[in-house]
Full PDB file with SEQRES, HELIX, SHEET, SSBOND, CRYST1, ORIGX, SCALE, CONECT and MASTER records, all heavy atoms in Angstrom:
SEQRES   1 A   35  SER ASN GLU GLU GLU ILE GLY VAL VAL ALA THR VAL SER          
SEQRES   2 A   35  SER GLY LYS SER THR LEU ALA ASN ALA ILE LEU HIS LYS          
SEQRES   3 A   35  ARG ILE LEU PRO ALA LYS ASN LYS ALA                          
HELIX    1 AA1 LYS A   16  LEU A   24  1                                   9    
CRYST1    1.000    1.000    1.000  90.00  90.00  90.00 P 1           1          
ORIGX1      1.000000  0.000000  0.000000        0.00000                         
ORIGX2      0.000000  1.000000  0.000000        0.00000                         
ORIGX3      0.000000  0.000000  1.000000        0.00000                         
SCALE1      1.000000  0.000000  0.000000        0.00000                         
SCALE2      0.000000  1.000000  0.000000        0.00000                         
SCALE3      0.000000  0.000000  1.000000        0.00000                         
ATOM      1  N   SER A   1     -20.940   9.421   7.056  1.00  0.00           N  
ATOM      2  CA  SER A   1     -20.737   9.152   5.636  1.00  0.00           C  
ATOM      3  C   SER A   1     -20.727   7.650   5.394  1.00  0.00           C  
ATOM      4  O   SER A   1     -20.589   6.846   6.320  1.00  0.00           O  
ATOM      5  CB  SER A   1     -19.414   9.757   5.158  1.00  0.00           C  
ATOM      6  OG  SER A   1     -18.328   9.008   5.640  1.00  0.00           O  
ATOM      7  N   ASN A   2     -20.859   7.266   4.131  1.00  0.00           N  
ATOM      8  CA  ASN A   2     -20.887   5.840   3.803  1.00  0.00           C  
ATOM      9  C   ASN A   2     -19.513   5.326   3.395  1.00  0.00           C  
ATOM     10  O   ASN A   2     -19.396   4.290   2.765  1.00  0.00           O  
ATOM     11  CB  ASN A   2     -21.902   5.560   2.688  1.00  0.00           C  
ATOM     12  CG  ASN A   2     -21.477   6.184   1.369  1.00  0.00           C  
ATOM     13  OD1 ASN A   2     -20.612   7.050   1.340  1.00  0.00           O  
ATOM     14  ND2 ASN A   2     -22.097   5.750   0.282  1.00  0.00           N  
ATOM     15  N   GLU A   3     -18.461   6.071   3.755  1.00  0.00           N  
ATOM     16  CA  GLU A   3     -17.107   5.632   3.444  1.00  0.00           C  
ATOM     17  C   GLU A   3     -16.327   5.327   4.728  1.00  0.00           C  
ATOM     18  O   GLU A   3     -16.466   6.027   5.721  1.00  0.00           O  
ATOM     19  CB  GLU A   3     -16.355   6.702   2.638  1.00  0.00           C  
ATOM     20  CG  GLU A   3     -16.888   6.874   1.224  1.00  0.00           C  
ATOM     21  CD  GLU A   3     -16.066   7.855   0.405  1.00  0.00           C  
ATOM     22  OE1 GLU A   3     -15.157   8.499   0.984  1.00  0.00           O  
ATOM     23  OE2 GLU A   3     -16.334   7.986  -0.795  1.00  0.00           O  
ATOM     24  N   GLU A   4     -15.544   4.256   4.664  1.00  0.00           N  
ATOM     25  CA  GLU A   4     -14.674   3.873   5.779  1.00  0.00           C  
ATOM     26  C   GLU A   4     -13.238   3.924   5.273  1.00  0.00           C  
ATOM     27  O   GLU A   4     -12.812   3.077   4.489  1.00  0.00           O  
ATOM     28  CB  GLU A   4     -15.016   2.467   6.272  1.00  0.00           C  
ATOM     29  CG  GLU A   4     -14.094   1.926   7.352  1.00  0.00           C  
ATOM     30  CD  GLU A   4     -14.245   2.627   8.693  1.00  0.00           C  
ATOM     31  OE1 GLU A   4     -15.319   3.199   8.944  1.00  0.00           O  
ATOM     32  OE2 GLU A   4     -13.288   2.607   9.481  1.00  0.00           O  
ATOM     33  N   GLU A   5     -12.482   4.932   5.726  1.00  0.00           N  
ATOM     34  CA  GLU A   5     -11.119   5.102   5.244  1.00  0.00           C  
ATOM     35  C   GLU A   5     -10.130   4.279   6.071  1.00  0.00           C  
ATOM     36  O   GLU A   5     -10.232   4.208   7.292  1.00  0.00           O  
ATOM     37  CB  GLU A   5     -10.710   6.576   5.284  1.00  0.00           C  
ATOM     38  CG  GLU A   5     -11.297   7.394   4.155  1.00  0.00           C  
ATOM     39  CD  GLU A   5     -10.508   8.675   3.925  1.00  0.00           C  
ATOM     40  OE1 GLU A   5      -9.525   8.651   3.168  1.00  0.00           O  
ATOM     41  OE2 GLU A   5     -10.893   9.690   4.510  1.00  0.00           O  
ATOM     42  N   ILE A   6      -9.199   3.654   5.382  1.00  0.00           N  
ATOM     43  CA  ILE A   6      -8.122   2.899   6.020  1.00  0.00           C  
ATOM     44  C   ILE A   6      -6.803   3.417   5.470  1.00  0.00           C  
ATOM     45  O   ILE A   6      -6.547   3.313   4.263  1.00  0.00           O  
ATOM     46  CB  ILE A   6      -8.243   1.391   5.744  1.00  0.00           C  
ATOM     47  CG1 ILE A   6      -9.609   0.868   6.226  1.00  0.00           C  
ATOM     48  CG2 ILE A   6      -7.109   0.618   6.416  1.00  0.00           C  
ATOM     49  CD1 ILE A   6      -9.871  -0.577   5.855  1.00  0.00           C  
ATOM     50  N   GLY A   7      -5.971   3.997   6.321  1.00  0.00           N  
ATOM     51  CA  GLY A   7      -4.681   4.520   5.894  1.00  0.00           C  
ATOM     52  C   GLY A   7      -3.587   3.484   6.041  1.00  0.00           C  
ATOM     53  O   GLY A   7      -3.464   2.843   7.087  1.00  0.00           O  
ATOM     54  N   VAL A   8      -2.804   3.285   4.974  1.00  0.00           N  
ATOM     55  CA  VAL A   8      -1.648   2.393   5.032  1.00  0.00           C  
ATOM     56  C   VAL A   8      -0.416   3.278   5.213  1.00  0.00           C  
ATOM     57  O   VAL A   8      -0.040   4.030   4.322  1.00  0.00           O  
ATOM     58  CB  VAL A   8      -1.525   1.541   3.750  1.00  0.00           C  
ATOM     59  CG1 VAL A   8      -0.403   0.511   3.905  1.00  0.00           C  
ATOM     60  CG2 VAL A   8      -2.843   0.830   3.458  1.00  0.00           C  
ATOM     61  N   VAL A   9       0.182   3.214   6.404  1.00  0.00           N  
ATOM     62  CA  VAL A   9       1.207   4.168   6.819  1.00  0.00           C  
ATOM     63  C   VAL A   9       2.491   3.438   7.211  1.00  0.00           C  
ATOM     64  O   VAL A   9       2.441   2.389   7.859  1.00  0.00           O  
ATOM     65  CB  VAL A   9       0.700   5.011   8.013  1.00  0.00           C  
ATOM     66  CG1 VAL A   9       1.820   5.827   8.632  1.00  0.00           C  
ATOM     67  CG2 VAL A   9      -0.448   5.913   7.586  1.00  0.00           C  
ATOM     68  N   ALA A  10       3.625   4.000   6.833  1.00  0.00           N  
ATOM     69  CA  ALA A  10       4.918   3.458   7.274  1.00  0.00           C  
ATOM     70  C   ALA A  10       6.022   4.362   6.784  1.00  0.00           C  
ATOM     71  O   ALA A  10       5.805   5.255   5.960  1.00  0.00           O  
ATOM     72  CB  ALA A  10       5.134   2.044   6.741  1.00  0.00           C  
ATOM     73  N   THR A  11       7.219   4.139   7.293  1.00  0.00           N  
ATOM     74  CA  THR A  11       8.384   4.850   6.785  1.00  0.00           C  
ATOM     75  C   THR A  11       8.778   4.247   5.434  1.00  0.00           C  
ATOM     76  O   THR A  11       8.296   3.183   5.043  1.00  0.00           O  
ATOM     77  CB  THR A  11       9.553   4.751   7.782  1.00  0.00           C  
ATOM     78  OG1 THR A  11       9.767   3.375   8.111  1.00  0.00           O  
ATOM     79  CG2 THR A  11       9.229   5.519   9.057  1.00  0.00           C  
ATOM     80  N   VAL A  12       9.677   4.924   4.724  1.00  0.00           N  
ATOM     81  CA  VAL A  12      10.053   4.512   3.367  1.00  0.00           C  
ATOM     82  C   VAL A  12      10.580   3.071   3.336  1.00  0.00           C  
ATOM     83  O   VAL A  12      11.350   2.661   4.200  1.00  0.00           O  
ATOM     84  CB  VAL A  12      11.128   5.481   2.803  1.00  0.00           C  
ATOM     85  CG1 VAL A  12      11.725   4.936   1.507  1.00  0.00           C  
ATOM     86  CG2 VAL A  12      10.501   6.851   2.544  1.00  0.00           C  
ATOM     87  N   SER A  13      10.114   2.300   2.337  1.00  0.00           N  
ATOM     88  CA  SER A  13      10.606   0.937   2.048  1.00  0.00           C  
ATOM     89  C   SER A  13      10.260  -0.089   3.116  1.00  0.00           C  
ATOM     90  O   SER A  13      10.957  -1.091   3.260  1.00  0.00           O  
ATOM     91  CB  SER A  13      12.127   0.949   1.815  1.00  0.00           C  
ATOM     92  OG  SER A  13      12.446   1.761   0.716  1.00  0.00           O  
ATOM     93  N   SER A  14       9.175   0.139   3.861  1.00  0.00           N  
ATOM     94  CA  SER A  14       8.730  -0.879   4.817  1.00  0.00           C  
ATOM     95  C   SER A  14       7.745  -1.852   4.191  1.00  0.00           C  
ATOM     96  O   SER A  14       7.391  -2.856   4.800  1.00  0.00           O  
ATOM     97  CB  SER A  14       8.074  -0.211   6.040  1.00  0.00           C  
ATOM     98  OG  SER A  14       9.017   0.526   6.773  1.00  0.00           O  
ATOM     99  N   GLY A  15       7.270  -1.532   2.974  1.00  0.00           N  
ATOM    100  CA  GLY A  15       6.398  -2.469   2.264  1.00  0.00           C  
ATOM    101  C   GLY A  15       4.947  -2.051   2.172  1.00  0.00           C  
ATOM    102  O   GLY A  15       4.067  -2.902   2.030  1.00  0.00           O  
ATOM    103  N   LYS A  16       4.678  -0.727   2.240  1.00  0.00           N  
ATOM    104  CA  LYS A  16       3.278  -0.265   2.187  1.00  0.00           C  
ATOM    105  C   LYS A  16       2.600  -0.647   0.877  1.00  0.00           C  
ATOM    106  O   LYS A  16       1.530  -1.244   0.865  1.00  0.00           O  
ATOM    107  CB  LYS A  16       3.211   1.263   2.336  1.00  0.00           C  
ATOM    108  CG  LYS A  16       3.733   1.814   3.625  1.00  0.00           C  
ATOM    109  CD  LYS A  16       3.500   3.309   3.720  1.00  0.00           C  
ATOM    110  CE  LYS A  16       4.017   4.081   2.526  1.00  0.00           C  
ATOM    111  NZ  LYS A  16       5.495   3.957   2.340  1.00  0.00           N  
ATOM    112  N   SER A  17       3.224  -0.269  -0.235  1.00  0.00           N  
ATOM    113  CA  SER A  17       2.608  -0.526  -1.535  1.00  0.00           C  
ATOM    114  C   SER A  17       2.544  -2.018  -1.835  1.00  0.00           C  
ATOM    115  O   SER A  17       1.583  -2.492  -2.452  1.00  0.00           O  
ATOM    116  CB  SER A  17       3.384   0.204  -2.633  1.00  0.00           C  
ATOM    117  OG  SER A  17       3.334   1.609  -2.434  1.00  0.00           O  
ATOM    118  N   THR A  18       3.544  -2.770  -1.370  1.00  0.00           N  
ATOM    119  CA  THR A  18       3.523  -4.216  -1.562  1.00  0.00           C  
ATOM    120  C   THR A  18       2.362  -4.836  -0.793  1.00  0.00           C  
ATOM    121  O   THR A  18       1.672  -5.736  -1.299  1.00  0.00           O  
ATOM    122  CB  THR A  18       4.856  -4.842  -1.096  1.00  0.00           C  
ATOM    123  OG1 THR A  18       5.932  -4.208  -1.790  1.00  0.00           O  
ATOM    124  CG2 THR A  18       4.887  -6.332  -1.389  1.00  0.00           C  
ATOM    125  N   LEU A  19       2.124  -4.366   0.429  1.00  0.00           N  
ATOM    126  CA  LEU A  19       0.994  -4.861   1.216  1.00  0.00           C  
ATOM    127  C   LEU A  19      -0.321  -4.531   0.516  1.00  0.00           C  
ATOM    128  O   LEU A  19      -1.225  -5.375   0.434  1.00  0.00           O  
ATOM    129  CB  LEU A  19       1.010  -4.259   2.619  1.00  0.00           C  
ATOM    130  CG  LEU A  19      -0.147  -4.714   3.510  1.00  0.00           C  
ATOM    131  CD1 LEU A  19       0.013  -6.161   3.915  1.00  0.00           C  
ATOM    132  CD2 LEU A  19      -0.282  -3.838   4.745  1.00  0.00           C  
ATOM    133  N   ALA A  20      -0.432  -3.297   0.003  1.00  0.00           N  
ATOM    134  CA  ALA A  20      -1.649  -2.911  -0.714  1.00  0.00           C  
ATOM    135  C   ALA A  20      -1.857  -3.806  -1.931  1.00  0.00           C  
ATOM    136  O   ALA A  20      -2.983  -4.241  -2.214  1.00  0.00           O  
ATOM    137  CB  ALA A  20      -1.575  -1.444  -1.127  1.00  0.00           C  
ATOM    138  N   ASN A  21      -0.777  -4.104  -2.664  1.00  0.00           N  
ATOM    139  CA  ASN A  21      -0.881  -5.004  -3.818  1.00  0.00           C  
ATOM    140  C   ASN A  21      -1.369  -6.390  -3.405  1.00  0.00           C  
ATOM    141  O   ASN A  21      -2.175  -7.019  -4.101  1.00  0.00           O  
ATOM    142  CB  ASN A  21       0.475  -5.129  -4.519  1.00  0.00           C  
ATOM    143  CG  ASN A  21       0.835  -3.897  -5.335  1.00  0.00           C  
ATOM    144  OD1 ASN A  21      -0.044  -3.161  -5.781  1.00  0.00           O  
ATOM    145  ND2 ASN A  21       2.127  -3.665  -5.532  1.00  0.00           N  
ATOM    146  N   ALA A  22      -0.873  -6.872  -2.259  1.00  0.00           N  
ATOM    147  CA  ALA A  22      -1.300  -8.188  -1.768  1.00  0.00           C  
ATOM    148  C   ALA A  22      -2.783  -8.173  -1.421  1.00  0.00           C  
ATOM    149  O   ALA A  22      -3.509  -9.139  -1.692  1.00  0.00           O  
ATOM    150  CB  ALA A  22      -0.463  -8.588  -0.552  1.00  0.00           C  
ATOM    151  N   ILE A  23      -3.247  -7.078  -0.815  1.00  0.00           N  
ATOM    152  CA  ILE A  23      -4.663  -6.951  -0.465  1.00  0.00           C  
ATOM    153  C   ILE A  23      -5.525  -6.896  -1.723  1.00  0.00           C  
ATOM    154  O   ILE A  23      -6.607  -7.483  -1.790  1.00  0.00           O  
ATOM    155  CB  ILE A  23      -4.886  -5.694   0.405  1.00  0.00           C  
ATOM    156  CG1 ILE A  23      -4.241  -5.883   1.783  1.00  0.00           C  
ATOM    157  CG2 ILE A  23      -6.376  -5.402   0.572  1.00  0.00           C  
ATOM    158  CD1 ILE A  23      -4.216  -4.629   2.636  1.00  0.00           C  
ATOM    159  N   LEU A  24      -5.027  -6.193  -2.756  1.00  0.00           N  
ATOM    160  CA  LEU A  24      -5.781  -6.036  -4.004  1.00  0.00           C  
ATOM    161  C   LEU A  24      -5.719  -7.274  -4.889  1.00  0.00           C  
ATOM    162  O   LEU A  24      -6.486  -7.382  -5.852  1.00  0.00           O  
ATOM    163  CB  LEU A  24      -5.241  -4.837  -4.795  1.00  0.00           C  
ATOM    164  CG  LEU A  24      -5.300  -3.466  -4.128  1.00  0.00           C  
ATOM    165  CD1 LEU A  24      -4.697  -2.416  -5.044  1.00  0.00           C  
ATOM    166  CD2 LEU A  24      -6.736  -3.097  -3.773  1.00  0.00           C  
ATOM    167  N   HIS A  25      -4.791  -8.210  -4.591  1.00  0.00           N  
ATOM    168  CA  HIS A  25      -4.561  -9.383  -5.452  1.00  0.00           C  
ATOM    169  C   HIS A  25      -4.102  -8.940  -6.844  1.00  0.00           C  
ATOM    170  O   HIS A  25      -4.353  -9.626  -7.839  1.00  0.00           O  
ATOM    171  CB  HIS A  25      -5.825 -10.240  -5.583  1.00  0.00           C  
ATOM    172  CG  HIS A  25      -6.181 -10.994  -4.341  1.00  0.00           C  
ATOM    173  ND1 HIS A  25      -6.838 -12.195  -4.352  1.00  0.00           N  
ATOM    174  CD2 HIS A  25      -5.991 -10.701  -3.029  1.00  0.00           C  
ATOM    175  CE1 HIS A  25      -7.023 -12.623  -3.120  1.00  0.00           C  
ATOM    176  NE2 HIS A  25      -6.519 -11.719  -2.299  1.00  0.00           N  
ATOM    177  N   LYS A  26      -3.416  -7.821  -6.919  1.00  0.00           N  
ATOM    178  CA  LYS A  26      -2.983  -7.296  -8.215  1.00  0.00           C  
ATOM    179  C   LYS A  26      -1.759  -6.409  -8.011  1.00  0.00           C  
ATOM    180  O   LYS A  26      -1.774  -5.507  -7.181  1.00  0.00           O  
ATOM    181  CB  LYS A  26      -4.113  -6.485  -8.858  1.00  0.00           C  
ATOM    182  CG  LYS A  26      -3.869  -6.126 -10.316  1.00  0.00           C  
ATOM    183  CD  LYS A  26      -5.124  -5.509 -10.915  1.00  0.00           C  
ATOM    184  CE  LYS A  26      -4.929  -5.191 -12.385  1.00  0.00           C  
ATOM    185  NZ  LYS A  26      -4.772  -6.394 -13.214  1.00  0.00           N  
ATOM    186  N   ARG A  27      -0.701  -6.668  -8.779  1.00  0.00           N  
ATOM    187  CA  ARG A  27       0.523  -5.860  -8.664  1.00  0.00           C  
ATOM    188  C   ARG A  27       0.337  -4.602  -9.513  1.00  0.00           C  
ATOM    189  O   ARG A  27       0.698  -4.556 -10.684  1.00  0.00           O  
ATOM    190  CB  ARG A  27       1.730  -6.669  -9.117  1.00  0.00           C  
ATOM    191  CG  ARG A  27       2.025  -7.859  -8.217  1.00  0.00           C  
ATOM    192  CD  ARG A  27       3.202  -8.650  -8.720  1.00  0.00           C  
ATOM    193  NE  ARG A  27       4.436  -7.903  -8.533  1.00  0.00           N  
ATOM    194  CZ  ARG A  27       5.524  -8.089  -9.276  1.00  0.00           C  
ATOM    195  NH1 ARG A  27       5.502  -8.943 -10.279  1.00  0.00           N  
ATOM    196  NH2 ARG A  27       6.617  -7.393  -9.040  1.00  0.00           N  
ATOM    197  N   ILE A  28      -0.219  -3.601  -8.868  1.00  0.00           N  
ATOM    198  CA  ILE A  28      -0.602  -2.393  -9.601  1.00  0.00           C  
ATOM    199  C   ILE A  28       0.083  -1.138  -9.064  1.00  0.00           C  
ATOM    200  O   ILE A  28       0.261  -0.158  -9.784  1.00  0.00           O  
ATOM    201  CB  ILE A  28      -2.139  -2.249  -9.559  1.00  0.00           C  
ATOM    202  CG1 ILE A  28      -2.642  -1.272 -10.607  1.00  0.00           C  
ATOM    203  CG2 ILE A  28      -2.607  -1.856  -8.172  1.00  0.00           C  
ATOM    204  CD1 ILE A  28      -4.148  -1.271 -10.718  1.00  0.00           C  
ATOM    205  N   LEU A  29       0.504  -1.164  -7.772  1.00  0.00           N  
ATOM    206  CA  LEU A  29       1.161  -0.016  -7.164  1.00  0.00           C  
ATOM    207  C   LEU A  29       2.674  -0.226  -7.185  1.00  0.00           C  
ATOM    208  O   LEU A  29       3.151  -1.298  -6.804  1.00  0.00           O  
ATOM    209  CB  LEU A  29       0.684   0.182  -5.724  1.00  0.00           C  
ATOM    210  CG  LEU A  29      -0.808   0.444  -5.556  1.00  0.00           C  
ATOM    211  CD1 LEU A  29      -1.180   0.434  -4.088  1.00  0.00           C  
ATOM    212  CD2 LEU A  29      -1.202   1.766  -6.177  1.00  0.00           C  
ATOM    213  N   PRO A  30       3.449   0.764  -7.629  1.00  0.00           N  
ATOM    214  CA  PRO A  30       4.912   0.626  -7.665  1.00  0.00           C  
ATOM    215  C   PRO A  30       5.468   0.325  -6.274  1.00  0.00           C  
ATOM    216  O   PRO A  30       5.107   0.990  -5.304  1.00  0.00           O  
ATOM    217  CB  PRO A  30       5.392   1.986  -8.169  1.00  0.00           C  
ATOM    218  CG  PRO A  30       4.216   2.557  -8.899  1.00  0.00           C  
ATOM    219  CD  PRO A  30       2.999   2.059  -8.164  1.00  0.00           C  
ATOM    220  N   ALA A  31       6.319  -0.684  -6.193  1.00  0.00           N  
ATOM    221  CA  ALA A  31       6.925  -1.073  -4.914  1.00  0.00           C  
ATOM    222  C   ALA A  31       8.420  -1.252  -5.147  1.00  0.00           C  
ATOM    223  O   ALA A  31       8.864  -2.284  -5.640  1.00  0.00           O  
ATOM    224  CB  ALA A  31       6.296  -2.364  -4.401  1.00  0.00           C  
ATOM    225  N   LYS A  32       9.198  -0.235  -4.781  1.00  0.00           N  
ATOM    226  CA  LYS A  32      10.642  -0.249  -5.007  1.00  0.00           C  
ATOM    227  C   LYS A  32      11.365   0.086  -3.715  1.00  0.00           C  
ATOM    228  O   LYS A  32      10.752   0.523  -2.743  1.00  0.00           O  
ATOM    229  CB  LYS A  32      11.014   0.775  -6.095  1.00  0.00           C  
ATOM    230  CG  LYS A  32      10.241   0.590  -7.397  1.00  0.00           C  
ATOM    231  CD  LYS A  32      10.521   1.715  -8.373  1.00  0.00           C  
ATOM    232  CE  LYS A  32       9.670   1.599  -9.634  1.00  0.00           C  
ATOM    233  NZ  LYS A  32       9.876   2.735 -10.561  1.00  0.00           N  
ATOM    234  N   ASN A  33      12.676  -0.092  -3.697  1.00  0.00           N  
ATOM    235  CA  ASN A  33      13.471   0.207  -2.503  1.00  0.00           C  
ATOM    236  C   ASN A  33      13.811   1.692  -2.425  1.00  0.00           C  
ATOM    237  O   ASN A  33      14.945   2.080  -2.191  1.00  0.00           O  
ATOM    238  CB  ASN A  33      14.749  -0.632  -2.490  1.00  0.00           C  
ATOM    239  CG  ASN A  33      14.448  -2.091  -2.251  1.00  0.00           C  
ATOM    240  OD1 ASN A  33      13.594  -2.413  -1.429  1.00  0.00           O  
ATOM    241  ND2 ASN A  33      15.114  -2.970  -2.969  1.00  0.00           N  
ATOM    242  N   LYS A  34      12.819   2.508  -2.654  1.00  0.00           N  
ATOM    243  CA  LYS A  34      12.947   3.962  -2.516  1.00  0.00           C  
ATOM    244  C   LYS A  34      11.541   4.520  -2.408  1.00  0.00           C  
ATOM    245  O   LYS A  34      10.559   3.781  -2.541  1.00  0.00           O  
ATOM    246  CB  LYS A  34      13.679   4.565  -3.713  1.00  0.00           C  
ATOM    247  CG  LYS A  34      12.962   4.367  -5.038  1.00  0.00           C  
ATOM    248  CD  LYS A  34      13.721   5.034  -6.177  1.00  0.00           C  
ATOM    249  CE  LYS A  34      12.974   4.869  -7.506  1.00  0.00           C  
ATOM    250  NZ  LYS A  34      13.671   5.557  -8.611  1.00  0.00           N  
ATOM    251  N   ALA A  35      11.432   5.826  -2.159  1.00  0.00           N  
ATOM    252  CA  ALA A  35      10.111   6.443  -2.061  1.00  0.00           C  
ATOM    253  C   ALA A  35       9.438   6.413  -3.426  1.00  0.00           C  
ATOM    254  O   ALA A  35       9.909   7.034  -4.373  1.00  0.00           O  
ATOM    255  CB  ALA A  35      10.238   7.881  -1.568  1.00  0.00           C  
TER     256      ALA A  35                                                      
MASTER        0    0    0    1    0    0    0    6  255    1    0    3          
END                                                                             
């Protein structure tokens, strides 16, 4: 296929969504101290 999947994985509140926001250069994914 022409898609390359990259999974961002971690336990709760390790900073997954914050890392994704940093990669995107846009604060678009909720990043809180809970699930």
